PDB file of N, CA and C in Angstrom:
ATOM      1  N   MET A   1       8.935 -49.059 -42.904  1.00  0.00           N
ATOM      2  CA  MET A   1       9.262 -48.794 -44.254  1.00  0.00           C
ATOM      3  C   MET A   1       8.177 -49.335 -45.145  1.00  0.00           C
ATOM      4  N   ALA A   2       7.593 -48.507 -45.888  1.00  0.00           N
ATOM      5  CA  ALA A   2       6.611 -48.931 -46.875  1.00  0.00           C
ATOM      6  C   ALA A   2       7.147 -48.548 -48.229  1.00  0.00           C
ATOM      7  N   PRO A   3       6.844 -49.347 -49.245  1.00  0.00           N
ATOM      8  CA  PRO A   3       7.316 -48.950 -50.560  1.00  0.00           C
ATOM      9  C   PRO A   3       6.615 -47.674 -50.985  1.00  0.00           C
ATOM     10  N   ALA A   4       7.343 -46.831 -51.686  1.00  0.00           N
ATOM     11  CA  ALA A   4       6.739 -45.615 -52.204  1.00  0.00           C
ATOM     12  C   ALA A   4       5.646 -45.976 -53.199  1.00  0.00           C
ATOM     13  N   SER A   5       5.875 -47.062 -53.938  1.00  0.00           N
ATOM     14  CA  SER A   5       4.839 -47.517 -54.864  1.00  0.00           C
ATOM     15  C   SER A   5       5.105 -48.954 -55.256  1.00  0.00           C
ATOM     16  N   THR A   6       4.061 -49.582 -55.713  1.00  0.00           N
ATOM     17  CA  THR A   6       4.147 -50.933 -56.239  1.00  0.00           C
ATOM     18  C   THR A   6       3.397 -50.947 -57.553  1.00  0.00           C
ATOM     19  N   GLU A   7       4.007 -51.499 -58.581  1.00  0.00           N
ATOM     20  CA  GLU A   7       3.310 -51.600 -59.859  1.00  0.00           C
ATOM     21  C   GLU A   7       3.601 -52.963 -60.463  1.00  0.00           C
ATOM     22  N   SER A   8       2.659 -53.462 -61.201  1.00  0.00           N
ATOM     23  CA  SER A   8       2.829 -54.754 -61.855  1.00  0.00           C
ATOM     24  C   SER A   8       2.613 -54.583 -63.343  1.00  0.00           C
ATOM     25  N   THR A   9       3.316 -55.370 -64.105  1.00  0.00           N
ATOM     26  CA  THR A   9       3.081 -55.394 -65.537  1.00  0.00           C
ATOM     27  C   THR A   9       2.628 -56.797 -65.896  1.00  0.00           C
ATOM     28  N   SER A  10       1.847 -56.915 -66.925  1.00  0.00           N
ATOM     29  CA  SER A  10       1.355 -58.239 -67.301  1.00  0.00           C
ATOM     30  C   SER A  10       1.801 -58.571 -68.709  1.00  0.00           C
ATOM     31  N   GLY A  11       1.419 -59.691 -69.156  1.00  0.00           N
ATOM     32  CA  GLY A  11       1.838 -60.204 -70.445  1.00  0.00           C
ATOM     33  C   GLY A  11       2.328 -61.616 -70.226  1.00  0.00           C
ATOM     34  N   SER A  12       3.226 -62.053 -71.099  1.00  0.00           N
ATOM     35  CA  SER A  12       3.742 -63.409 -70.941  1.00  0.00           C
ATOM     36  C   SER A  12       4.610 -63.514 -69.688  1.00  0.00           C
ATOM     37  N   ARG A  13       5.213 -62.433 -69.291  1.00  0.00           N
ATOM     38  CA  ARG A  13       6.011 -62.408 -68.066  1.00  0.00           C
ATOM     39  C   ARG A  13       5.407 -61.366 -67.134  1.00  0.00           C
ATOM     40  N   GLN A  14       5.427 -61.673 -65.859  1.00  0.00           N
ATOM     41  CA  GLN A  14       4.915 -60.727 -64.878  1.00  0.00           C
ATOM     42  C   GLN A  14       6.074 -60.137 -64.101  1.00  0.00           C
ATOM     43  N   THR A  15       6.021 -58.828 -63.917  1.00  0.00           N
ATOM     44  CA  THR A  15       7.067 -58.117 -63.197  1.00  0.00           C
ATOM     45  C   THR A  15       6.447 -57.306 -62.081  1.00  0.00           C
ATOM     46  N   GLU A  16       7.037 -57.385 -60.932  1.00  0.00           N
ATOM     47  CA  GLU A  16       6.630 -56.566 -59.792  1.00  0.00           C
ATOM     48  C   GLU A  16       7.729 -55.550 -59.571  1.00  0.00           C
ATOM     49  N   ILE A  17       7.348 -54.287 -59.390  1.00  0.00           N
ATOM     50  CA  ILE A  17       8.320 -53.226 -59.124  1.00  0.00           C
ATOM     51  C   ILE A  17       8.006 -52.626 -57.760  1.00  0.00           C
ATOM     52  N   LEU A  18       8.985 -52.681 -56.867  1.00  0.00           N
ATOM     53  CA  LEU A  18       8.841 -52.112 -55.539  1.00  0.00           C
ATOM     54  C   LEU A  18       9.807 -50.942 -55.399  1.00  0.00           C
ATOM     55  N   SER A  19       9.281 -49.789 -54.958  1.00  0.00           N
ATOM     56  CA  SER A  19      10.113 -48.610 -54.739  1.00  0.00           C
ATOM     57  C   SER A  19      10.232 -48.362 -53.249  1.00  0.00           C
ATOM     58  N   PHE A  20      11.440 -48.070 -52.814  1.00  0.00           N
ATOM     59  CA  PHE A  20      11.685 -47.852 -51.393  1.00  0.00           C
ATOM     60  C   PHE A  20      12.188 -46.441 -51.150  1.00  0.00           C
ATOM     61  N   ASP A  21      11.729 -45.836 -50.048  1.00  0.00           N
ATOM     62  CA  ASP A  21      12.218 -44.512 -49.686  1.00  0.00           C
ATOM     63  C   ASP A  21      13.403 -44.601 -48.736  1.00  0.00           C
ATOM     64  N   GLN A  22      13.540 -45.716 -48.050  1.00  0.00           N
ATOM     65  CA  GLN A  22      14.714 -45.977 -47.230  1.00  0.00           C
ATOM     66  C   GLN A  22      14.750 -47.450 -46.857  1.00  0.00           C
ATOM     67  N   ILE A  23      15.938 -47.933 -46.605  1.00  0.00           N
ATOM     68  CA  ILE A  23      16.092 -49.310 -46.158  1.00  0.00           C
ATOM     69  C   ILE A  23      17.091 -49.284 -45.013  1.00  0.00           C
ATOM     70  N   ALA A  24      16.569 -49.141 -43.829  1.00  0.00           N
ATOM     71  CA  ALA A  24      17.413 -49.101 -42.634  1.00  0.00           C
ATOM     72  C   ALA A  24      16.545 -49.444 -41.427  1.00  0.00           C
ATOM     73  N   GLY A  25      17.150 -50.078 -40.451  1.00  0.00           N
ATOM     74  CA  GLY A  25      16.424 -50.418 -39.235  1.00  0.00           C
ATOM     75  C   GLY A  25      15.718 -51.751 -39.359  1.00  0.00           C
ATOM     76  N   PHE A  26      15.721 -52.487 -38.279  1.00  0.00           N
ATOM     77  CA  PHE A  26      15.183 -53.844 -38.261  1.00  0.00           C
ATOM     78  C   PHE A  26      13.719 -53.906 -38.699  1.00  0.00           C
ATOM     79  N   GLU A  27      12.865 -53.055 -38.134  1.00  0.00           N
ATOM     80  CA  GLU A  27      11.434 -53.113 -38.454  1.00  0.00           C
ATOM     81  C   GLU A  27      11.170 -52.808 -39.924  1.00  0.00           C
ATOM     82  N   GLN A  28      11.847 -51.803 -40.465  1.00  0.00           N
ATOM     83  CA  GLN A  28      11.653 -51.450 -41.870  1.00  0.00           C
ATOM     84  C   GLN A  28      12.123 -52.567 -42.786  1.00  0.00           C
ATOM     85  N   ILE A  29      13.236 -53.168 -42.446  1.00  0.00           N
ATOM     86  CA  ILE A  29      13.758 -54.249 -43.275  1.00  0.00           C
ATOM     87  C   ILE A  29      12.837 -55.463 -43.223  1.00  0.00           C
ATOM     88  N   GLU A  30      12.308 -55.778 -42.057  1.00  0.00           N
ATOM     89  CA  GLU A  30      11.386 -56.913 -41.952  1.00  0.00           C
ATOM     90  C   GLU A  30      10.112 -56.665 -42.751  1.00  0.00           C
ATOM     91  N   LYS A  31       9.617 -55.433 -42.768  1.00  0.00           N
ATOM     92  CA  LYS A  31       8.444 -55.108 -43.591  1.00  0.00           C
ATOM     93  C   LYS A  31       8.765 -55.268 -45.072  1.00  0.00           C
ATOM     94  N   ALA A  32       9.954 -54.811 -45.465  1.00  0.00           N
ATOM     95  CA  ALA A  32      10.365 -54.936 -46.863  1.00  0.00           C
ATOM     96  C   ALA A  32      10.498 -56.403 -47.246  1.00  0.00           C
ATOM     97  N   LYS A  33      11.066 -57.217 -46.364  1.00  0.00           N
ATOM     98  CA  LYS A  33      11.209 -58.640 -46.639  1.00  0.00           C
ATOM     99  C   LYS A  33       9.839 -59.303 -46.807  1.00  0.00           C
ATOM    100  N   ALA A  34       8.880 -58.894 -45.999  1.00  0.00           N
ATOM    101  CA  ALA A  34       7.526 -59.440 -46.125  1.00  0.00           C
ATOM    102  C   ALA A  34       6.940 -59.084 -47.486  1.00  0.00           C
ATOM    103  N   GLN A  35       7.177 -57.862 -47.954  1.00  0.00           N
ATOM    104  CA  GLN A  35       6.686 -57.460 -49.272  1.00  0.00           C
ATOM    105  C   GLN A  35       7.355 -58.265 -50.378  1.00  0.00           C
ATOM    106  N   ILE A  36       8.637 -58.522 -50.231  1.00  0.00           N
ATOM    107  CA  ILE A  36       9.361 -59.312 -51.225  1.00  0.00           C
ATOM    108  C   ILE A  36       8.797 -60.732 -51.262  1.00  0.00           C
ATOM    109  N   ARG A  37       8.600 -61.326 -50.088  1.00  0.00           N
ATOM    110  CA  ARG A  37       8.047 -62.688 -50.023  1.00  0.00           C
ATOM    111  C   ARG A  37       6.678 -62.751 -50.693  1.00  0.00           C
ATOM    112  N   THR A  38       5.841 -61.753 -50.428  1.00  0.00           N
ATOM    113  CA  THR A  38       4.509 -61.703 -51.033  1.00  0.00           C
ATOM    114  C   THR A  38       4.606 -61.617 -52.549  1.00  0.00           C
ATOM    115  N   SER A  39       5.500 -60.783 -53.041  1.00  0.00           N
ATOM    116  CA  SER A  39       5.681 -60.647 -54.492  1.00  0.00           C
ATOM    117  C   SER A  39       6.147 -61.948 -55.112  1.00  0.00           C
ATOM    118  N   ILE A  40       7.097 -62.587 -54.474  1.00  0.00           N
ATOM    119  CA  ILE A  40       7.626 -63.845 -55.001  1.00  0.00           C
ATOM    120  C   ILE A  40       6.541 -64.914 -55.012  1.00  0.00           C
ATOM    121  N   GLN A  41       5.760 -64.993 -53.954  1.00  0.00           N
ATOM    122  CA  GLN A  41       4.719 -66.009 -53.847  1.00  0.00           C
ATOM    123  C   GLN A  41       3.556 -65.756 -54.804  1.00  0.00           C
ATOM    124  N   SER A  42       3.426 -64.533 -55.289  1.00  0.00           N
ATOM    125  CA  SER A  42       2.323 -64.222 -56.197  1.00  0.00           C
ATOM    126  C   SER A  42       2.603 -64.661 -57.628  1.00  0.00           C
ATOM    127  N   GLY A  43       3.763 -65.273 -57.847  1.00  0.00           N
ATOM    128  CA  GLY A  43       4.047 -65.831 -59.162  1.00  0.00           C
ATOM    129  C   GLY A  43       4.748 -64.892 -60.123  1.00  0.00           C
ATOM    130  N   GLN A  44       5.427 -63.892 -59.621  1.00  0.00           N
ATOM    131  CA  GLN A  44       6.154 -62.975 -60.485  1.00  0.00           C
ATOM    132  C   GLN A  44       7.350 -63.671 -61.123  1.00  0.00           C
ATOM    133  N   ASP A  45       7.640 -63.321 -62.376  1.00  0.00           N
ATOM    134  CA  ASP A  45       8.827 -63.833 -63.060  1.00  0.00           C
ATOM    135  C   ASP A  45      10.050 -62.971 -62.731  1.00  0.00           C
ATOM    136  N   THR A  46       9.800 -61.675 -62.584  1.00  0.00           N
ATOM    137  CA  THR A  46      10.874 -60.719 -62.341  1.00  0.00           C
ATOM    138  C   THR A  46      10.460 -59.785 -61.212  1.00  0.00           C
ATOM    139  N   LEU A  47      11.388 -59.524 -60.328  1.00  0.00           N
ATOM    140  CA  LEU A  47      11.177 -58.571 -59.251  1.00  0.00           C
ATOM    141  C   LEU A  47      12.178 -57.445 -59.438  1.00  0.00           C
ATOM    142  N   THR A  48      11.684 -56.228 -59.559  1.00  0.00           N
ATOM    143  CA  THR A  48      12.552 -55.074 -59.738  1.00  0.00           C
ATOM    144  C   THR A  48      12.442 -54.185 -58.509  1.00  0.00           C
ATOM    145  N   LEU A  49      13.584 -53.899 -57.917  1.00  0.00           N
ATOM    146  CA  LEU A  49      13.640 -52.966 -56.794  1.00  0.00           C
ATOM    147  C   LEU A  49      14.080 -51.622 -57.335  1.00  0.00           C
ATOM    148  N   ASP A  50      13.298 -50.602 -57.078  1.00  0.00           N
ATOM    149  CA  ASP A  50      13.594 -49.258 -57.551  1.00  0.00           C
ATOM    150  C   ASP A  50      14.199 -48.469 -56.395  1.00  0.00           C
ATOM    151  N   LEU A  51      15.455 -48.075 -56.541  1.00  0.00           N
ATOM    152  CA  LEU A  51      16.154 -47.338 -55.486  1.00  0.00           C
ATOM    153  C   LEU A  51      16.278 -45.856 -55.815  1.00  0.00           C
ATOM    154  N   ASP A  52      15.348 -45.348 -56.607  1.00  0.00           N
ATOM    155  CA  ASP A  52      15.394 -43.954 -57.051  1.00  0.00           C
ATOM    156  C   ASP A  52      15.470 -42.973 -55.892  1.00  0.00           C
ATOM    157  N   ASN A  53      14.845 -43.271 -54.776  1.00  0.00           N
ATOM    158  CA  ASN A  53      14.815 -42.344 -53.642  1.00  0.00           C
ATOM    159  C   ASN A  53      15.963 -42.550 -52.665  1.00  0.00           C
ATOM    160  N   LEU A  54      16.852 -43.488 -52.959  1.00  0.00           N
ATOM    161  CA  LEU A  54      17.996 -43.734 -52.082  1.00  0.00           C
ATOM    162  C   LEU A  54      19.256 -43.167 -52.706  1.00  0.00           C
ATOM    163  N   ASN A  55      20.118 -42.620 -51.866  1.00  0.00           N
ATOM    164  CA  ASN A  55      21.373 -42.096 -52.405  1.00  0.00           C
ATOM    165  C   ASN A  55      22.590 -42.478 -51.567  1.00  0.00           C
ATOM    166  N   THR A  56      22.390 -43.308 -50.561  1.00  0.00           N
ATOM    167  CA  THR A  56      23.510 -43.780 -49.750  1.00  0.00           C
ATOM    168  C   THR A  56      23.431 -45.296 -49.596  1.00  0.00           C
ATOM    169  N   VAL A  57      24.587 -45.885 -49.410  1.00  0.00           N
ATOM    170  CA  VAL A  57      24.675 -47.327 -49.215  1.00  0.00           C
ATOM    171  C   VAL A  57      25.037 -47.581 -47.763  1.00  0.00           C
ATOM    172  N   SER A  58      24.283 -48.475 -47.142  1.00  0.00           N
ATOM    173  CA  SER A  58      24.572 -48.876 -45.767  1.00  0.00           C
ATOM    174  C   SER A  58      24.752 -50.389 -45.734  1.00  0.00           C
ATOM    175  N   SER A  59      25.272 -50.882 -44.644  1.00  0.00           N
ATOM    176  CA  SER A  59      25.394 -52.339 -44.501  1.00  0.00           C
ATOM    177  C   SER A  59      24.009 -52.976 -44.505  1.00  0.00           C
ATOM    178  N   ASP A  60      23.003 -52.275 -43.968  1.00  0.00           N
ATOM    179  CA  ASP A  60      21.627 -52.783 -44.008  1.00  0.00           C
ATOM    180  C   ASP A  60      21.165 -52.979 -45.451  1.00  0.00           C
ATOM    181  N   LEU A  61      21.469 -52.019 -46.306  1.00  0.00           N
ATOM    182  CA  LEU A  61      21.063 -52.109 -47.713  1.00  0.00           C
ATOM    183  C   LEU A  61      21.782 -53.268 -48.409  1.00  0.00           C
ATOM    184  N   ILE A  62      23.070 -53.407 -48.179  1.00  0.00           N
ATOM    185  CA  ILE A  62      23.824 -54.501 -48.797  1.00  0.00           C
ATOM    186  C   ILE A  62      23.283 -55.849 -48.327  1.00  0.00           C
ATOM    187  N   ASN A  63      23.070 -55.995 -47.043  1.00  0.00           N
ATOM    188  CA  ASN A  63      22.515 -57.248 -46.516  1.00  0.00           C
ATOM    189  C   ASN A  63      21.128 -57.523 -47.079  1.00  0.00           C
ATOM    190  N   PHE A  64      20.312 -56.491 -47.184  1.00  0.00           N
ATOM    191  CA  PHE A  64      18.967 -56.631 -47.734  1.00  0.00           C
ATOM    192  C   PHE A  64      19.021 -57.105 -49.191  1.00  0.00           C
ATOM    193  N   LEU A  65      19.898 -56.503 -49.987  1.00  0.00           N
ATOM    194  CA  LEU A  65      20.009 -56.895 -51.388  1.00  0.00           C
ATOM    195  C   LEU A  65      20.493 -58.335 -51.533  1.00  0.00           C
ATOM    196  N   LEU A  66      21.428 -58.735 -50.693  1.00  0.00           N
ATOM    197  CA  LEU A  66      21.884 -60.129 -50.725  1.00  0.00           C
ATOM    198  C   LEU A  66      20.759 -61.080 -50.343  1.00  0.00           C
ATOM    199  N   TRP A  67      19.985 -60.711 -49.345  1.00  0.00           N
ATOM    200  CA  TRP A  67      18.837 -61.534 -48.947  1.00  0.00           C
ATOM    201  C   TRP A  67      17.838 -61.636 -50.103  1.00  0.00           C
ATOM    202  N   CYS A  68      17.549 -60.503 -50.748  1.00  0.00           N
ATOM    203  CA  CYS A  68      16.620 -60.499 -51.886  1.00  0.00           C
ATOM    204  C   CYS A  68      17.110 -61.425 -52.993  1.00  0.00           C
ATOM    205  N   GLN A  69      18.404 -61.362 -53.294  1.00  0.00           N
ATOM    206  CA  GLN A  69      18.957 -62.219 -54.342  1.00  0.00           C
ATOM    207  C   GLN A  69      18.800 -63.691 -53.977  1.00  0.00           C
ATOM    208  N   MET A  70      19.082 -64.028 -52.737  1.00  0.00           N
ATOM    209  CA  MET A  70      18.955 -65.432 -52.320  1.00  0.00           C
ATOM    210  C   MET A  70      17.508 -65.905 -52.406  1.00  0.00           C
ATOM    211  N   GLU A  71      16.561 -65.078 -51.954  1.00  0.00           N
ATOM    212  CA  GLU A  71      15.142 -65.447 -52.021  1.00  0.00           C
ATOM    213  C   GLU A  71      14.683 -65.599 -53.467  1.00  0.00           C
ATOM    214  N   CYS A  72      15.069 -64.665 -54.314  1.00  0.00           N
ATOM    215  CA  CYS A  72      14.677 -64.735 -55.722  1.00  0.00           C
ATOM    216  C   CYS A  72      15.294 -65.961 -56.383  1.00  0.00           C
ATOM    217  N   SER A  73      16.550 -66.221 -56.105  1.00  0.00           N
ATOM    218  CA  SER A  73      17.228 -67.376 -56.694  1.00  0.00           C
ATOM    219  C   SER A  73      16.556 -68.684 -56.283  1.00  0.00           C
ATOM    220  N   ARG A  74      16.199 -68.799 -55.021  1.00  0.00           N
ATOM    221  CA  ARG A  74      15.521 -70.012 -54.533  1.00  0.00           C
ATOM    222  C   ARG A  74      14.188 -70.251 -55.213  1.00  0.00           C
ATOM    223  N   ASN A  75      13.548 -69.160 -55.626  1.00  0.00           N
ATOM    224  CA  ASN A  75      12.202 -69.247 -56.195  1.00  0.00           C
ATOM    225  C   ASN A  75      12.175 -69.006 -57.704  1.00  0.00           C
ATOM    226  N   PHE A  76      13.351 -69.020 -58.336  1.00  0.00           N
ATOM    227  CA  PHE A  76      13.469 -68.877 -59.781  1.00  0.00           C
ATOM    228  C   PHE A  76      12.854 -67.571 -60.292  1.00  0.00           C
ATOM    229  N   VAL A  77      13.074 -66.502 -59.550  1.00  0.00           N
ATOM    230  CA  VAL A  77      12.616 -65.161 -59.915  1.00  0.00           C
ATOM    231  C   VAL A  77      13.850 -64.325 -60.226  1.00  0.00           C
ATOM    232  N   GLN A  78      13.812 -63.598 -61.326  1.00  0.00           N
ATOM    233  CA  GLN A  78      14.927 -62.732 -61.674  1.00  0.00           C
ATOM    234  C   GLN A  78      14.835 -61.441 -60.861  1.00  0.00           C
ATOM    235  N   LEU A  79      15.947 -61.040 -60.265  1.00  0.00           N
ATOM    236  CA  LEU A  79      16.011 -59.800 -59.483  1.00  0.00           C
ATOM    237  C   LEU A  79      16.758 -58.749 -60.281  1.00  0.00           C
ATOM    238  N   LYS A  80      16.159 -57.560 -60.368  1.00  0.00           N
ATOM    239  CA  LYS A  80      16.812 -56.402 -60.975  1.00  0.00           C
ATOM    240  C   LYS A  80      16.722 -55.257 -59.976  1.00  0.00           C
ATOM    241  N   VAL A  81      17.727 -54.419 -59.986  1.00  0.00           N
ATOM    242  CA  VAL A  81      17.726 -53.225 -59.133  1.00  0.00           C
ATOM    243  C   VAL A  81      17.962 -52.039 -60.051  1.00  0.00           C
ATOM    244  N   ARG A  82      17.023 -51.097 -60.060  1.00  0.00           N
ATOM    245  CA  ARG A  82      17.138 -49.969 -60.980  1.00  0.00           C
ATOM    246  C   ARG A  82      17.275 -48.645 -60.235  1.00  0.00           C
ATOM    247  N   HIS A  83      17.644 -47.623 -61.007  1.00  0.00           N
ATOM    248  CA  HIS A  83      17.864 -46.271 -60.503  1.00  0.00           C
ATOM    249  C   HIS A  83      18.953 -46.254 -59.429  1.00  0.00           C
ATOM    250  N   VAL A  84      20.061 -46.885 -59.759  1.00  0.00           N
ATOM    251  CA  VAL A  84      21.213 -46.920 -58.867  1.00  0.00           C
ATOM    252  C   VAL A  84      22.171 -45.827 -59.318  1.00  0.00           C
ATOM    253  N   THR A  85      22.517 -44.930 -58.409  1.00  0.00           N
ATOM    254  CA  THR A  85      23.443 -43.851 -58.770  1.00  0.00           C
ATOM    255  C   THR A  85      24.825 -44.431 -59.036  1.00  0.00           C
ATOM    256  N   SER A  86      25.644 -43.682 -59.753  1.00  0.00           N
ATOM    257  CA  SER A  86      26.987 -44.166 -60.071  1.00  0.00           C
ATOM    258  C   SER A  86      27.817 -44.370 -58.805  1.00  0.00           C
ATOM    259  N   ASP A  87      27.628 -43.532 -57.806  1.00  0.00           N
ATOM    260  CA  ASP A  87      28.352 -43.704 -56.541  1.00  0.00           C
ATOM    261  C   ASP A  87      27.912 -44.979 -55.823  1.00  0.00           C
ATOM    262  N   MET A  88      26.624 -45.236 -55.819  1.00  0.00           N
ATOM    263  CA  MET A  88      26.121 -46.459 -55.195  1.00  0.00           C
ATOM    264  C   MET A  88      26.626 -47.682 -55.961  1.00  0.00           C
ATOM    265  N   LEU A  89      26.599 -47.608 -57.281  1.00  0.00           N
ATOM    266  CA  LEU A  89      27.044 -48.723 -58.099  1.00  0.00           C
ATOM    267  C   LEU A  89      28.518 -49.041 -57.832  1.00  0.00           C
ATOM    268  N   ARG A  90      29.313 -48.002 -57.637  1.00  0.00           N
ATOM    269  CA  ARG A  90      30.725 -48.200 -57.321  1.00  0.00           C
ATOM    270  C   ARG A  90      30.889 -49.011 -56.034  1.00  0.00           C
ATOM    271  N   VAL A  91      30.089 -48.700 -55.013  1.00  0.00           N
ATOM    272  CA  VAL A  91      30.146 -49.437 -53.749  1.00  0.00           C
ATOM    273  C   VAL A  91      29.660 -50.866 -53.944  1.00  0.00           C
ATOM    274  N   PHE A  92      28.572 -51.042 -54.687  1.00  0.00           N
ATOM    275  CA  PHE A  92      28.055 -52.388 -54.940  1.00  0.00           C
ATOM    276  C   PHE A  92      29.081 -53.237 -55.693  1.00  0.00           C
ATOM    277  N   ARG A  93      29.773 -52.629 -56.652  1.00  0.00           N
ATOM    278  CA  ARG A  93      30.821 -53.363 -57.380  1.00  0.00           C
ATOM    279  C   ARG A  93      31.965 -53.733 -56.442  1.00  0.00           C
ATOM    280  N   PHE A  94      32.358 -52.815 -55.593  1.00  0.00           N
ATOM    281  CA  PHE A  94      33.428 -53.087 -54.633  1.00  0.00           C
ATOM    282  C   PHE A  94      33.057 -54.257 -53.725  1.00  0.00           C
ATOM    283  N   ALA A  95      31.780 -54.331 -53.352  1.00  0.00           N
ATOM    284  CA  ALA A  95      31.295 -55.418 -52.504  1.00  0.00           C
ATOM    285  C   ALA A  95      31.049 -56.705 -53.302  1.00  0.00           C
ATOM    286  N   GLY A  96      31.140 -56.631 -54.627  1.00  0.00           N
ATOM    287  CA  GLY A  96      30.951 -57.807 -55.470  1.00  0.00           C
ATOM    288  C   GLY A  96      29.502 -58.120 -55.792  1.00  0.00           C
ATOM    289  N   LEU A  97      28.588 -57.228 -55.458  1.00  0.00           N
ATOM    290  CA  LEU A  97      27.170 -57.494 -55.708  1.00  0.00           C
ATOM    291  C   LEU A  97      26.834 -57.544 -57.190  1.00  0.00           C
ATOM    292  N   ASN A  98      27.617 -56.847 -58.007  1.00  0.00           N
ATOM    293  CA  ASN A  98      27.336 -56.841 -59.446  1.00  0.00           C
ATOM    294  C   ASN A  98      27.555 -58.211 -60.080  1.00  0.00           C
ATOM    295  N   GLN A  99      28.156 -59.125 -59.356  1.00  0.00           N
ATOM    296  CA  GLN A  99      28.351 -60.475 -59.876  1.00  0.00           C
ATOM    297  C   GLN A  99      27.097 -61.354 -59.706  1.00  0.00           C
ATOM    298  N   VAL A 100      26.187 -60.940 -58.827  1.00  0.00           N
ATOM    299  CA  VAL A 100      25.001 -61.757 -58.572  1.00  0.00           C
ATOM    300  C   VAL A 100      23.687 -61.002 -58.780  1.00  0.00           C
ATOM    301  N   ILE A 101      23.756 -59.675 -58.941  1.00  0.00           N
ATOM    302  CA  ILE A 101      22.545 -58.861 -59.085  1.00  0.00           C
ATOM    303  C   ILE A 101      22.690 -57.983 -60.333  1.00  0.00           C
ATOM    304  N   VAL A 102      21.591 -57.846 -61.082  1.00  0.00           N
ATOM    305  CA  VAL A 102      21.573 -56.964 -62.252  1.00  0.00           C
ATOM    306  C   VAL A 102      21.214 -55.556 -61.772  1.00  0.00           C
ATOM    307  N   PHE A 103      22.136 -54.616 -61.977  1.00  0.00           N
ATOM    308  CA  PHE A 103      21.908 -53.213 -61.612  1.00  0.00           C
ATOM    309  C   PHE A 103      21.697 -52.392 -62.855  1.00  0.00           C
ATOM    310  N   GLU A 104      20.706 -51.488 -62.803  1.00  0.00           N
ATOM    311  CA  GLU A 104      20.420 -50.587 -63.911  1.00  0.00           C
ATOM    312  C   GLU A 104      20.480 -49.157 -63.403  1.00  0.00           C
ATOM    313  N   GLU A 105      21.137 -48.294 -64.169  1.00  0.00           N
ATOM    314  CA  GLU A 105      21.236 -46.887 -63.744  1.00  0.00           C
ATOM    315  C   GLU A 105      19.986 -46.133 -64.056  1.00  0.00           C
TER     316      GLU A 105
END
């Protein structure tokens, strides 16, 4: 799994945006985790995950998002998840993820 794109914004706050085409399977998830760690270590204030290319929720995705939140929280980085469909958001709310992660439609 490689991100579809990575972009950074500068200014007083730095934001890293990672876009994923899929999040499933051990190898893909480990690659994504490595990218997240790299972004966090590079001094980003905010990490935004763009799920524009995803339209289904799997246990792998939920576990990945929880891992991302824990890593960001440990490193004082704000996590945002954008381009979440209303159906996906419904599942995330049911799982309680909306209590710890900022989701944007």
